[in-house]
Amino acid sequence: MASLAKAHHFPQPWGRKEIVMDTDLTGKLLIALPGIGDPRFSRSVILVCAHSPEFAMGIVLNKPMTGLTLPQLLEQLDIPLEIDIPDELVLDGGPVSSDRGFVLHTDDVISEGATLEIDGEFCMTATRDILLAMGTRRGPRRSVLALGYSGWGAGQLEYELAENAWLVGTPNAELVFGESHDGKWDAALNELGIDSGRLQIHPGTA
């Protein structure tokens, strides 16, 4: 996945000194706070798949694409199907590389040299191998396919965290793979003991 970081340049739009944080957020959730300022990420829940001082990337877990299901996309990609595929919606993973597929899946299927092991439970693969496996009984126990990803350049995510644009949480299988997309934002906040109806935080305020 190192090539992913090199393929895109993310400028720092805020025009100030880079903010450095020691915490590696790989495998954590980003939960958008009210007033995040970018409507594309309103009420978003994102699984951070990679985080380093130079780059961060993640997949939005709760923004399904209207009318595009997994079986339809696999058929468009000429993936042979040996089994019935659940009629799950494909996710809009973020605004970067929106024509490229990224599969989040359980760690029971690993594609050597292609699978990014996010933590002890979740993995991400962005090659055709995982799609072929999903069409057979040898596929991962649970998976979800997204088009595109969310990316941050050096210091950008750290800046947004410092501005209170995001809360950081811990994922579980239902937040990653579940189909109750409309409820994931509230559920992620509830995991932190926060009632979304009482949340009145805006970027730049404590």
N, C-alpha and C. Protein backbone atom coordinates (compact mmCIF):
# COMPACT_ATOMS: atom_id res chain seq x y z
N MET A 1 0.81 -1.21 0.00
CA MET A 1 0.00 0.00 0.00
C MET A 1 0.84 1.26 0.00
N ALA A 2 2.18 1.13 0.04
CA ALA A 2 3.02 2.32 0.04
C ALA A 2 2.81 3.15 -1.21
N SER A 3 2.54 2.45 -2.35
CA SER A 3 2.34 3.17 -3.60
C SER A 3 1.11 4.05 -3.56
N LEU A 4 0.13 3.67 -2.75
CA LEU A 4 -1.08 4.46 -2.62
C LEU A 4 -0.76 5.85 -2.08
N ALA A 5 0.11 5.91 -1.10
CA ALA A 5 0.48 7.19 -0.52
C ALA A 5 1.23 8.06 -1.51
N LYS A 6 2.03 7.43 -2.34
CA LYS A 6 2.84 8.20 -3.28
C LYS A 6 2.04 8.67 -4.49
N ALA A 7 0.90 8.00 -4.75
CA ALA A 7 0.16 8.29 -5.97
C ALA A 7 -0.64 9.58 -5.90
N HIS A 8 -0.87 10.10 -4.71
CA HIS A 8 -1.71 11.29 -4.56
C HIS A 8 -1.02 12.29 -3.65
N HIS A 9 -1.10 13.55 -4.04
CA HIS A 9 -0.54 14.62 -3.21
C HIS A 9 -1.69 15.37 -2.57
N PHE A 10 -1.64 15.52 -1.27
CA PHE A 10 -2.69 16.23 -0.53
C PHE A 10 -2.07 17.49 0.07
N PRO A 11 -2.32 18.66 -0.52
CA PRO A 11 -1.75 19.89 0.03
C PRO A 11 -2.35 20.24 1.37
N GLN A 12 -1.62 20.98 2.17
CA GLN A 12 -2.13 21.47 3.45
C GLN A 12 -2.81 22.81 3.21
N PRO A 13 -4.15 22.84 3.25
CA PRO A 13 -4.87 24.04 2.83
C PRO A 13 -4.93 25.13 3.88
N TRP A 14 -4.48 24.83 5.10
CA TRP A 14 -4.72 25.78 6.17
C TRP A 14 -3.61 26.80 6.32
N GLY A 15 -2.48 26.61 5.62
CA GLY A 15 -1.43 27.61 5.61
C GLY A 15 -0.80 27.89 6.94
N ARG A 16 -0.61 26.85 7.76
CA ARG A 16 0.04 27.05 9.05
C ARG A 16 0.98 25.88 9.31
N LYS A 17 1.73 25.99 10.38
CA LYS A 17 2.72 24.97 10.70
C LYS A 17 2.05 23.61 10.90
N GLU A 18 2.72 22.58 10.38
CA GLU A 18 2.20 21.22 10.50
C GLU A 18 2.06 20.81 11.96
N ILE A 19 0.95 20.15 12.26
CA ILE A 19 0.70 19.63 13.60
C ILE A 19 1.12 18.17 13.64
N VAL A 20 1.93 17.79 14.57
CA VAL A 20 2.43 16.42 14.66
C VAL A 20 1.85 15.74 15.89
N MET A 21 1.29 14.54 15.70
CA MET A 21 0.78 13.75 16.80
C MET A 21 1.46 12.39 16.77
N ASP A 22 1.77 11.86 17.94
CA ASP A 22 2.47 10.59 18.03
C ASP A 22 1.54 9.39 17.86
N THR A 23 0.24 9.57 18.00
CA THR A 23 -0.68 8.46 18.01
C THR A 23 -0.92 7.90 16.61
N ASP A 24 -0.76 6.60 16.47
CA ASP A 24 -1.09 5.91 15.23
C ASP A 24 -2.56 5.51 15.29
N LEU A 25 -3.35 6.04 14.38
CA LEU A 25 -4.79 5.79 14.41
C LEU A 25 -5.20 4.63 13.51
N THR A 26 -4.26 3.89 12.97
CA THR A 26 -4.59 2.73 12.15
C THR A 26 -5.49 1.78 12.93
N GLY A 27 -6.61 1.39 12.31
CA GLY A 27 -7.54 0.49 12.97
C GLY A 27 -8.57 1.17 13.84
N LYS A 28 -8.52 2.50 13.94
CA LYS A 28 -9.48 3.26 14.73
C LYS A 28 -10.60 3.81 13.84
N LEU A 29 -11.66 4.27 14.48
CA LEU A 29 -12.74 4.95 13.77
C LEU A 29 -12.59 6.45 13.88
N LEU A 30 -12.92 7.15 12.81
CA LEU A 30 -13.12 8.59 12.86
C LEU A 30 -14.61 8.84 12.77
N ILE A 31 -15.15 9.58 13.72
CA ILE A 31 -16.58 9.86 13.78
C ILE A 31 -16.75 11.37 13.63
N ALA A 32 -17.40 11.78 12.54
CA ALA A 32 -17.52 13.20 12.23
C ALA A 32 -18.36 13.91 13.28
N LEU A 33 -17.89 15.06 13.72
CA LEU A 33 -18.64 15.90 14.64
C LEU A 33 -19.50 16.90 13.87
N PRO A 34 -20.60 17.37 14.47
CA PRO A 34 -21.41 18.40 13.82
C PRO A 34 -20.55 19.62 13.48
N GLY A 35 -20.82 20.21 12.34
CA GLY A 35 -20.06 21.38 11.95
C GLY A 35 -18.71 21.05 11.36
N ILE A 36 -18.52 19.84 10.86
CA ILE A 36 -17.22 19.45 10.31
C ILE A 36 -16.82 20.35 9.14
N GLY A 37 -17.80 20.95 8.48
CA GLY A 37 -17.49 21.93 7.45
C GLY A 37 -17.43 21.38 6.04
N ASP A 38 -17.42 20.08 5.89
CA ASP A 38 -17.39 19.46 4.56
C ASP A 38 -18.60 18.54 4.46
N PRO A 39 -19.60 18.91 3.64
CA PRO A 39 -20.82 18.11 3.59
C PRO A 39 -20.59 16.67 3.14
N ARG A 40 -19.50 16.42 2.44
CA ARG A 40 -19.21 15.06 2.00
C ARG A 40 -18.98 14.13 3.19
N PHE A 41 -18.55 14.70 4.33
CA PHE A 41 -18.23 13.89 5.49
C PHE A 41 -19.20 14.08 6.65
N SER A 42 -20.32 14.74 6.39
CA SER A 42 -21.31 14.94 7.44
C SER A 42 -21.79 13.59 7.98
N ARG A 43 -21.74 13.42 9.29
CA ARG A 43 -22.18 12.20 9.98
C ARG A 43 -21.44 10.95 9.49
N SER A 44 -20.24 11.13 8.99
CA SER A 44 -19.48 9.98 8.48
C SER A 44 -18.84 9.20 9.62
N VAL A 45 -18.71 7.90 9.38
CA VAL A 45 -17.93 7.01 10.23
C VAL A 45 -16.89 6.36 9.33
N ILE A 46 -15.62 6.56 9.64
CA ILE A 46 -14.53 6.11 8.76
C ILE A 46 -13.62 5.16 9.51
N LEU A 47 -13.30 4.02 8.87
CA LEU A 47 -12.29 3.13 9.41
C LEU A 47 -10.93 3.56 8.85
N VAL A 48 -10.00 3.91 9.74
CA VAL A 48 -8.66 4.31 9.32
C VAL A 48 -7.88 3.04 8.99
N CYS A 49 -7.49 2.90 7.73
CA CYS A 49 -6.79 1.70 7.28
C CYS A 49 -5.28 1.84 7.33
N ALA A 50 -4.80 3.06 7.26
CA ALA A 50 -3.35 3.32 7.34
C ALA A 50 -3.13 4.74 7.83
N HIS A 51 -2.14 4.91 8.70
CA HIS A 51 -1.84 6.24 9.25
C HIS A 51 -0.36 6.32 9.54
N SER A 52 0.27 7.32 8.98
CA SER A 52 1.69 7.58 9.22
C SER A 52 1.87 9.09 9.25
N PRO A 53 3.08 9.59 9.61
CA PRO A 53 3.29 11.04 9.60
C PRO A 53 3.10 11.66 8.21
N GLU A 54 3.24 10.87 7.16
CA GLU A 54 3.14 11.40 5.80
C GLU A 54 1.77 11.27 5.18
N PHE A 55 0.95 10.35 5.69
CA PHE A 55 -0.26 10.00 4.94
C PHE A 55 -1.23 9.26 5.84
N ALA A 56 -2.52 9.45 5.57
CA ALA A 56 -3.55 8.65 6.22
C ALA A 56 -4.63 8.34 5.20
N MET A 57 -5.21 7.15 5.31
CA MET A 57 -6.32 6.81 4.42
C MET A 57 -7.31 5.95 5.17
N GLY A 58 -8.58 6.09 4.77
CA GLY A 58 -9.63 5.31 5.41
C GLY A 58 -10.82 5.14 4.49
N ILE A 59 -11.75 4.31 4.91
CA ILE A 59 -12.95 4.01 4.14
C ILE A 59 -14.18 4.45 4.93
N VAL A 60 -15.06 5.23 4.30
CA VAL A 60 -16.32 5.62 4.93
C VAL A 60 -17.23 4.40 4.99
N LEU A 61 -17.77 4.12 6.17
CA LEU A 61 -18.53 2.90 6.40
C LEU A 61 -20.03 3.06 6.28
N ASN A 62 -20.53 4.29 6.20
CA ASN A 62 -21.98 4.48 6.32
C ASN A 62 -22.57 5.35 5.22
N LYS A 63 -21.94 5.35 4.04
CA LYS A 63 -22.47 6.12 2.91
C LYS A 63 -22.66 5.19 1.71
N PRO A 64 -23.74 4.43 1.67
CA PRO A 64 -23.97 3.53 0.54
C PRO A 64 -24.24 4.30 -0.74
N MET A 65 -23.84 3.72 -1.86
CA MET A 65 -24.09 4.31 -3.16
C MET A 65 -25.51 3.95 -3.60
N THR A 66 -26.24 4.93 -4.06
CA THR A 66 -27.64 4.73 -4.42
C THR A 66 -27.77 3.77 -5.60
N GLY A 67 -28.48 2.67 -5.36
CA GLY A 67 -28.83 1.78 -6.45
C GLY A 67 -27.73 0.88 -6.98
N LEU A 68 -26.57 0.84 -6.33
CA LEU A 68 -25.49 -0.02 -6.81
C LEU A 68 -25.23 -1.11 -5.78
N THR A 69 -25.53 -2.34 -6.14
CA THR A 69 -25.35 -3.46 -5.23
C THR A 69 -24.08 -4.24 -5.58
N LEU A 70 -23.64 -5.04 -4.63
CA LEU A 70 -22.44 -5.85 -4.83
C LEU A 70 -22.58 -6.81 -6.00
N PRO A 71 -23.69 -7.57 -6.13
CA PRO A 71 -23.81 -8.46 -7.29
C PRO A 71 -23.76 -7.71 -8.62
N GLN A 72 -24.38 -6.52 -8.68
CA GLN A 72 -24.35 -5.74 -9.91
C GLN A 72 -22.92 -5.33 -10.28
N LEU A 73 -22.17 -4.88 -9.28
CA LEU A 73 -20.80 -4.43 -9.55
C LEU A 73 -19.92 -5.61 -9.96
N LEU A 74 -20.06 -6.74 -9.28
CA LEU A 74 -19.26 -7.91 -9.65
C LEU A 74 -19.58 -8.36 -11.07
N GLU A 75 -20.85 -8.27 -11.46
CA GLU A 75 -21.23 -8.63 -12.82
C GLU A 75 -20.61 -7.67 -13.83
N GLN A 76 -20.62 -6.36 -13.50
CA GLN A 76 -20.00 -5.37 -14.39
C GLN A 76 -18.51 -5.62 -14.57
N LEU A 77 -17.87 -6.16 -13.53
CA LEU A 77 -16.43 -6.42 -13.56
C LEU A 77 -16.10 -7.82 -14.08
N ASP A 78 -17.13 -8.53 -14.56
CA ASP A 78 -16.94 -9.89 -15.11
C ASP A 78 -16.33 -10.85 -14.10
N ILE A 79 -16.77 -10.74 -12.85
CA ILE A 79 -16.34 -11.67 -11.81
C ILE A 79 -17.29 -12.87 -11.81
N PRO A 80 -16.78 -14.07 -12.08
CA PRO A 80 -17.67 -15.24 -12.07
C PRO A 80 -18.20 -15.53 -10.68
N LEU A 81 -19.48 -15.83 -10.59
CA LEU A 81 -20.13 -16.08 -9.30
C LEU A 81 -20.53 -17.54 -9.20
N GLU A 82 -19.92 -18.25 -8.26
CA GLU A 82 -20.24 -19.64 -8.02
C GLU A 82 -21.31 -19.79 -6.94
N ILE A 83 -21.59 -18.72 -6.22
CA ILE A 83 -22.57 -18.74 -5.13
C ILE A 83 -23.47 -17.52 -5.26
N ASP A 84 -24.57 -17.53 -4.54
CA ASP A 84 -25.45 -16.36 -4.49
C ASP A 84 -24.81 -15.30 -3.59
N ILE A 85 -24.68 -14.09 -4.12
CA ILE A 85 -24.07 -12.98 -3.38
C ILE A 85 -25.18 -12.14 -2.75
N PRO A 86 -25.07 -11.82 -1.47
CA PRO A 86 -26.08 -10.97 -0.84
C PRO A 86 -26.25 -9.64 -1.57
N ASP A 87 -27.47 -9.14 -1.59
CA ASP A 87 -27.79 -7.91 -2.32
C ASP A 87 -27.38 -6.68 -1.51
N GLU A 88 -26.13 -6.63 -1.08
CA GLU A 88 -25.65 -5.52 -0.26
C GLU A 88 -25.28 -4.33 -1.14
N LEU A 89 -25.46 -3.13 -0.60
CA LEU A 89 -25.09 -1.93 -1.34
C LEU A 89 -23.58 -1.72 -1.28
N VAL A 90 -23.04 -1.21 -2.37
CA VAL A 90 -21.64 -0.81 -2.42
C VAL A 90 -21.50 0.53 -1.70
N LEU A 91 -20.41 0.71 -0.96
CA LEU A 91 -20.20 1.94 -0.22
C LEU A 91 -19.46 2.99 -1.04
N ASP A 92 -19.74 4.24 -0.76
CA ASP A 92 -18.94 5.36 -1.25
C ASP A 92 -17.85 5.59 -0.21
N GLY A 93 -16.65 5.06 -0.48
CA GLY A 93 -15.59 5.06 0.52
C GLY A 93 -14.90 6.39 0.72
N GLY A 94 -15.11 7.34 -0.22
CA GLY A 94 -14.48 8.64 -0.11
C GLY A 94 -14.21 9.22 -1.48
N PRO A 95 -13.75 10.46 -1.53
CA PRO A 95 -13.63 11.17 -2.81
C PRO A 95 -12.38 10.88 -3.63
N VAL A 96 -11.45 10.09 -3.10
CA VAL A 96 -10.20 9.82 -3.82
C VAL A 96 -10.30 8.47 -4.53
N SER A 97 -9.85 8.44 -5.81
CA SER A 97 -9.87 7.21 -6.61
C SER A 97 -11.24 6.55 -6.58
N SER A 98 -12.27 7.33 -6.90
CA SER A 98 -13.64 6.83 -6.78
C SER A 98 -13.98 5.76 -7.81
N ASP A 99 -13.09 5.52 -8.77
CA ASP A 99 -13.31 4.45 -9.75
C ASP A 99 -12.59 3.16 -9.36
N ARG A 100 -12.01 3.14 -8.18
CA ARG A 100 -11.25 1.97 -7.73
C ARG A 100 -11.94 1.32 -6.54
N GLY A 101 -11.95 -0.02 -6.53
CA GLY A 101 -12.61 -0.75 -5.46
C GLY A 101 -11.67 -1.11 -4.32
N PHE A 102 -12.20 -1.03 -3.10
CA PHE A 102 -11.47 -1.40 -1.89
C PHE A 102 -12.38 -2.31 -1.07
N VAL A 103 -11.90 -3.49 -0.73
CA VAL A 103 -12.69 -4.44 0.03
C VAL A 103 -12.17 -4.51 1.46
N LEU A 104 -13.03 -4.19 2.42
CA LEU A 104 -12.76 -4.44 3.83
C LEU A 104 -13.27 -5.84 4.14
N HIS A 105 -12.47 -6.63 4.82
CA HIS A 105 -12.88 -8.02 5.06
C HIS A 105 -12.24 -8.57 6.32
N THR A 106 -12.76 -9.70 6.76
CA THR A 106 -12.21 -10.40 7.92
C THR A 106 -10.86 -11.02 7.55
N ASP A 107 -10.11 -11.39 8.57
CA ASP A 107 -8.73 -11.82 8.35
C ASP A 107 -8.58 -13.29 8.00
N ASP A 108 -9.68 -13.95 7.62
CA ASP A 108 -9.59 -15.35 7.24
C ASP A 108 -9.17 -15.56 5.79
N VAL A 109 -9.09 -14.48 5.02
CA VAL A 109 -8.59 -14.53 3.65
C VAL A 109 -7.51 -13.47 3.50
N ILE A 110 -6.32 -13.89 3.12
CA ILE A 110 -5.19 -12.98 2.94
C ILE A 110 -4.61 -13.20 1.55
N SER A 111 -4.48 -12.14 0.78
CA SER A 111 -3.83 -12.20 -0.53
C SER A 111 -2.39 -11.73 -0.36
N GLU A 112 -1.46 -12.66 -0.50
CA GLU A 112 -0.05 -12.38 -0.24
C GLU A 112 0.44 -11.19 -1.06
N GLY A 113 1.00 -10.20 -0.38
CA GLY A 113 1.55 -9.03 -1.04
C GLY A 113 0.53 -7.97 -1.42
N ALA A 114 -0.76 -8.27 -1.21
CA ALA A 114 -1.80 -7.32 -1.63
C ALA A 114 -2.71 -6.90 -0.48
N THR A 115 -2.85 -7.75 0.53
CA THR A 115 -3.75 -7.46 1.63
C THR A 115 -3.06 -6.62 2.69
N LEU A 116 -3.72 -5.54 3.06
CA LEU A 116 -3.25 -4.70 4.16
C LEU A 116 -3.95 -5.16 5.43
N GLU A 117 -3.18 -5.70 6.38
CA GLU A 117 -3.75 -6.13 7.66
C GLU A 117 -3.87 -4.92 8.57
N ILE A 118 -5.09 -4.46 8.77
CA ILE A 118 -5.34 -3.22 9.51
C ILE A 118 -5.10 -3.42 11.00
N ASP A 119 -5.64 -4.50 11.53
CA ASP A 119 -5.43 -4.86 12.93
C ASP A 119 -5.65 -6.36 13.06
N GLY A 120 -5.95 -6.85 14.23
CA GLY A 120 -6.11 -8.28 14.40
C GLY A 120 -7.40 -8.84 13.85
N GLU A 121 -8.31 -7.98 13.38
CA GLU A 121 -9.62 -8.44 12.95
C GLU A 121 -9.97 -8.03 11.53
N PHE A 122 -9.55 -6.83 11.11
CA PHE A 122 -9.97 -6.28 9.83
C PHE A 122 -8.79 -6.16 8.87
N CYS A 123 -9.09 -6.40 7.59
CA CYS A 123 -8.09 -6.28 6.53
C CYS A 123 -8.70 -5.49 5.37
N MET A 124 -7.83 -5.03 4.48
CA MET A 124 -8.28 -4.37 3.26
C MET A 124 -7.48 -4.89 2.09
N THR A 125 -8.17 -5.23 1.00
CA THR A 125 -7.52 -5.67 -0.22
C THR A 125 -8.13 -4.91 -1.39
N ALA A 126 -7.29 -4.46 -2.31
CA ALA A 126 -7.77 -3.64 -3.42
C ALA A 126 -7.38 -4.25 -4.76
N THR A 127 -7.27 -5.58 -4.80
CA THR A 127 -6.94 -6.26 -6.05
C THR A 127 -8.07 -7.20 -6.46
N ARG A 128 -8.01 -7.65 -7.69
CA ARG A 128 -9.06 -8.52 -8.24
C ARG A 128 -9.14 -9.85 -7.50
N ASP A 129 -8.05 -10.27 -6.88
CA ASP A 129 -8.02 -11.56 -6.18
C ASP A 129 -9.15 -11.68 -5.17
N ILE A 130 -9.36 -10.62 -4.40
CA ILE A 130 -10.37 -10.69 -3.34
C ILE A 130 -11.78 -10.74 -3.93
N LEU A 131 -11.99 -10.07 -5.07
CA LEU A 131 -13.30 -10.12 -5.72
C LEU A 131 -13.58 -11.53 -6.24
N LEU A 132 -12.56 -12.17 -6.80
CA LEU A 132 -12.73 -13.55 -7.28
C LEU A 132 -13.06 -14.47 -6.12
N ALA A 133 -12.40 -14.27 -4.98
CA ALA A 133 -12.66 -15.10 -3.80
C ALA A 133 -14.08 -14.88 -3.29
N MET A 134 -14.56 -13.64 -3.34
CA MET A 134 -15.90 -13.33 -2.84
C MET A 134 -16.99 -14.02 -3.65
N GLY A 135 -16.68 -14.38 -4.89
CA GLY A 135 -17.65 -15.07 -5.73
C GLY A 135 -17.67 -16.57 -5.53
N THR A 136 -16.88 -17.06 -4.56
CA THR A 136 -16.79 -18.49 -4.29
C THR A 136 -17.05 -18.76 -2.81
N ARG A 137 -17.03 -20.03 -2.43
CA ARG A 137 -17.17 -20.40 -1.03
C ARG A 137 -15.86 -20.21 -0.27
N ARG A 138 -14.81 -19.78 -0.97
CA ARG A 138 -13.51 -19.54 -0.33
C ARG A 138 -13.31 -18.07 0.04
N GLY A 139 -14.36 -17.29 -0.05
CA GLY A 139 -14.28 -15.87 0.27
C GLY A 139 -14.21 -15.61 1.76
N PRO A 140 -13.96 -14.37 2.14
CA PRO A 140 -13.90 -14.02 3.56
C PRO A 140 -15.25 -14.21 4.25
N ARG A 141 -15.20 -14.45 5.54
CA ARG A 141 -16.42 -14.65 6.34
C ARG A 141 -17.36 -13.45 6.23
N ARG A 142 -16.80 -12.25 6.32
CA ARG A 142 -17.59 -11.02 6.15
C ARG A 142 -16.76 -10.03 5.35
N SER A 143 -17.45 -9.25 4.54
CA SER A 143 -16.74 -8.27 3.71
C SER A 143 -17.70 -7.18 3.27
N VAL A 144 -17.12 -6.07 2.84
CA VAL A 144 -17.90 -4.99 2.26
C VAL A 144 -17.01 -4.30 1.23
N LEU A 145 -17.60 -3.92 0.11
CA LEU A 145 -16.85 -3.31 -0.97
C LEU A 145 -17.19 -1.82 -1.05
N ALA A 146 -16.16 -1.01 -1.20
CA ALA A 146 -16.33 0.44 -1.34
C ALA A 146 -15.63 0.91 -2.60
N LEU A 147 -16.18 1.94 -3.21
CA LEU A 147 -15.51 2.61 -4.31
C LEU A 147 -14.93 3.92 -3.78
N GLY A 148 -13.62 4.09 -3.95
CA GLY A 148 -12.95 5.29 -3.46
C GLY A 148 -12.54 5.18 -2.02
N TYR A 149 -11.70 6.14 -1.61
CA TYR A 149 -11.26 6.18 -0.22
C TYR A 149 -11.11 7.63 0.21
N SER A 150 -10.91 7.83 1.48
CA SER A 150 -10.69 9.16 2.06
C SER A 150 -9.21 9.28 2.42
N GLY A 151 -8.57 10.34 1.95
CA GLY A 151 -7.13 10.48 2.16
C GLY A 151 -6.76 11.82 2.77
N TRP A 152 -5.68 11.80 3.54
CA TRP A 152 -5.15 13.00 4.17
C TRP A 152 -3.64 13.06 3.93
N GLY A 153 -3.12 14.23 3.64
CA GLY A 153 -1.69 14.41 3.50
C GLY A 153 -1.03 14.63 4.85
N ALA A 154 0.27 14.90 4.81
CA ALA A 154 1.06 15.07 6.03
C ALA A 154 0.45 16.15 6.92
N GLY A 155 0.10 15.77 8.14
CA GLY A 155 -0.40 16.72 9.13
C GLY A 155 -1.86 17.11 8.97
N GLN A 156 -2.51 16.72 7.88
CA GLN A 156 -3.88 17.18 7.63
C GLN A 156 -4.88 16.56 8.61
N LEU A 157 -4.80 15.26 8.82
CA LEU A 157 -5.71 14.63 9.75
C LEU A 157 -5.45 15.12 11.18
N GLU A 158 -4.19 15.28 11.52
CA GLU A 158 -3.84 15.78 12.85
C GLU A 158 -4.43 17.17 13.08
N TYR A 159 -4.39 18.00 12.05
CA TYR A 159 -4.98 19.33 12.15
C TYR A 159 -6.49 19.25 12.38
N GLU A 160 -7.16 18.38 11.61
CA GLU A 160 -8.60 18.25 11.75
C GLU A 160 -8.99 17.73 13.13
N LEU A 161 -8.18 16.82 13.67
CA LEU A 161 -8.43 16.33 15.03
C LEU A 161 -8.25 17.44 16.05
N ALA A 162 -7.22 18.25 15.86
CA ALA A 162 -6.98 19.37 16.78
C ALA A 162 -8.11 20.39 16.71
N GLU A 163 -8.76 20.49 15.56
CA GLU A 163 -9.87 21.42 15.38
C GLU A 163 -11.22 20.81 15.79
N ASN A 164 -11.19 19.63 16.39
CA ASN A 164 -12.40 18.96 16.85
C ASN A 164 -13.38 18.66 15.72
N ALA A 165 -12.83 18.26 14.56
CA ALA A 165 -13.69 17.83 13.46
C ALA A 165 -14.11 16.37 13.61
N TRP A 166 -13.31 15.59 14.35
CA TRP A 166 -13.55 14.16 14.49
C TRP A 166 -13.42 13.72 15.94
N LEU A 167 -14.17 12.69 16.29
CA LEU A 167 -13.92 11.91 17.49
C LEU A 167 -13.26 10.60 17.06
N VAL A 168 -12.49 10.00 17.94
CA VAL A 168 -11.82 8.73 17.65
C VAL A 168 -12.47 7.62 18.46
N GLY A 169 -12.86 6.55 17.78
CA GLY A 169 -13.49 5.43 18.44
C GLY A 169 -12.85 4.12 18.03
N THR A 170 -13.43 3.02 18.53
CA THR A 170 -12.93 1.69 18.24
C THR A 170 -13.98 0.93 17.43
N PRO A 171 -13.60 0.31 16.32
CA PRO A 171 -14.60 -0.37 15.47
C PRO A 171 -15.04 -1.70 16.05
N ASN A 172 -16.18 -2.15 15.60
CA ASN A 172 -16.62 -3.52 15.83
C ASN A 172 -17.17 -4.05 14.51
N ALA A 173 -17.47 -5.33 14.46
CA ALA A 173 -17.86 -5.96 13.20
C ALA A 173 -19.12 -5.35 12.60
N GLU A 174 -20.10 -4.98 13.44
CA GLU A 174 -21.34 -4.43 12.91
C GLU A 174 -21.13 -3.03 12.33
N LEU A 175 -20.27 -2.24 12.95
CA LEU A 175 -20.00 -0.91 12.41
C LEU A 175 -19.27 -1.01 11.08
N VAL A 176 -18.42 -2.02 10.92
CA VAL A 176 -17.66 -2.17 9.68
C VAL A 176 -18.49 -2.86 8.60
N PHE A 177 -19.13 -3.97 8.94
CA PHE A 177 -19.79 -4.80 7.93
C PHE A 177 -21.31 -4.72 7.94
N GLY A 178 -21.90 -4.17 8.97
CA GLY A 178 -23.36 -4.14 9.08
C GLY A 178 -24.02 -3.30 8.00
N GLU A 179 -25.29 -3.60 7.73
CA GLU A 179 -26.02 -2.90 6.67
C GLU A 179 -26.91 -1.78 7.19
N SER A 180 -26.92 -1.54 8.50
CA SER A 180 -27.75 -0.46 9.07
C SER A 180 -26.97 0.86 8.96
N HIS A 181 -26.79 1.30 7.74
CA HIS A 181 -25.93 2.46 7.50
C HIS A 181 -26.45 3.73 8.17
N ASP A 182 -27.76 3.92 8.16
CA ASP A 182 -28.34 5.13 8.73
C ASP A 182 -28.08 5.23 10.24
N GLY A 183 -27.89 4.10 10.89
CA GLY A 183 -27.71 4.13 12.34
C GLY A 183 -26.27 4.06 12.81
N LYS A 184 -25.31 3.95 11.88
CA LYS A 184 -23.92 3.73 12.30
C LYS A 184 -23.32 4.93 13.03
N TRP A 185 -23.66 6.13 12.61
CA TRP A 185 -23.10 7.32 13.26
C TRP A 185 -23.54 7.38 14.73
N ASP A 186 -24.84 7.18 14.96
CA ASP A 186 -25.35 7.17 16.34
C ASP A 186 -24.74 6.01 17.12
N ALA A 187 -24.62 4.84 16.48
CA ALA A 187 -24.09 3.67 17.17
C ALA A 187 -22.63 3.88 17.56
N ALA A 188 -21.85 4.50 16.65
CA ALA A 188 -20.44 4.76 16.95
C ALA A 188 -20.30 5.73 18.12
N LEU A 189 -21.16 6.74 18.16
CA LEU A 189 -21.14 7.68 19.28
C LEU A 189 -21.58 7.01 20.57
N ASN A 190 -22.60 6.14 20.47
CA ASN A 190 -23.07 5.43 21.67
C ASN A 190 -21.97 4.56 22.26
N GLU A 191 -21.10 3.99 21.40
CA GLU A 191 -19.99 3.19 21.89
C GLU A 191 -19.05 4.02 22.76
N LEU A 192 -19.04 5.34 22.52
CA LEU A 192 -18.22 6.25 23.32
C LEU A 192 -19.00 6.83 24.50
N GLY A 193 -20.25 6.40 24.64
CA GLY A 193 -21.08 6.92 25.72
C GLY A 193 -21.64 8.30 25.43
N ILE A 194 -21.77 8.65 24.16
CA ILE A 194 -22.23 9.98 23.75
C ILE A 194 -23.60 9.89 23.10
N ASP A 195 -24.52 10.72 23.56
CA ASP A 195 -25.85 10.83 22.96
C ASP A 195 -25.78 11.86 21.84
N SER A 196 -25.99 11.42 20.61
CA SER A 196 -25.85 12.32 19.46
C SER A 196 -26.80 13.50 19.53
N GLY A 197 -27.96 13.31 20.16
CA GLY A 197 -28.93 14.39 20.27
C GLY A 197 -28.46 15.54 21.15
N ARG A 198 -27.44 15.29 21.97
CA ARG A 198 -26.94 16.33 22.87
C ARG A 198 -25.57 16.85 22.43
N LEU A 199 -25.15 16.42 21.24
CA LEU A 199 -23.82 16.80 20.77
C LEU A 199 -23.88 18.17 20.11
N GLN A 200 -23.15 19.12 20.68
CA GLN A 200 -23.16 20.49 20.18
C GLN A 200 -21.73 21.00 20.05
N ILE A 201 -20.89 20.22 19.42
CA ILE A 201 -19.48 20.60 19.26
C ILE A 201 -19.23 21.06 17.85
N HIS A 202 -18.49 22.13 17.70
CA HIS A 202 -18.15 22.65 16.39
C HIS A 202 -16.64 22.72 16.25
N PRO A 203 -16.10 22.60 15.00
CA PRO A 203 -14.67 22.66 14.81
C PRO A 203 -14.07 23.93 15.42
N GLY A 204 -12.94 23.76 16.10
CA GLY A 204 -12.25 24.91 16.66
C GLY A 204 -12.69 25.26 18.06
N THR A 205 -13.68 24.49 18.60
CA THR A 205 -14.14 24.79 19.95
C THR A 205 -13.93 23.57 20.82
N ALA A 206 -13.84 23.79 22.12
CA ALA A 206 -13.63 22.66 23.03
C ALA A 206 -14.96 22.08 23.45
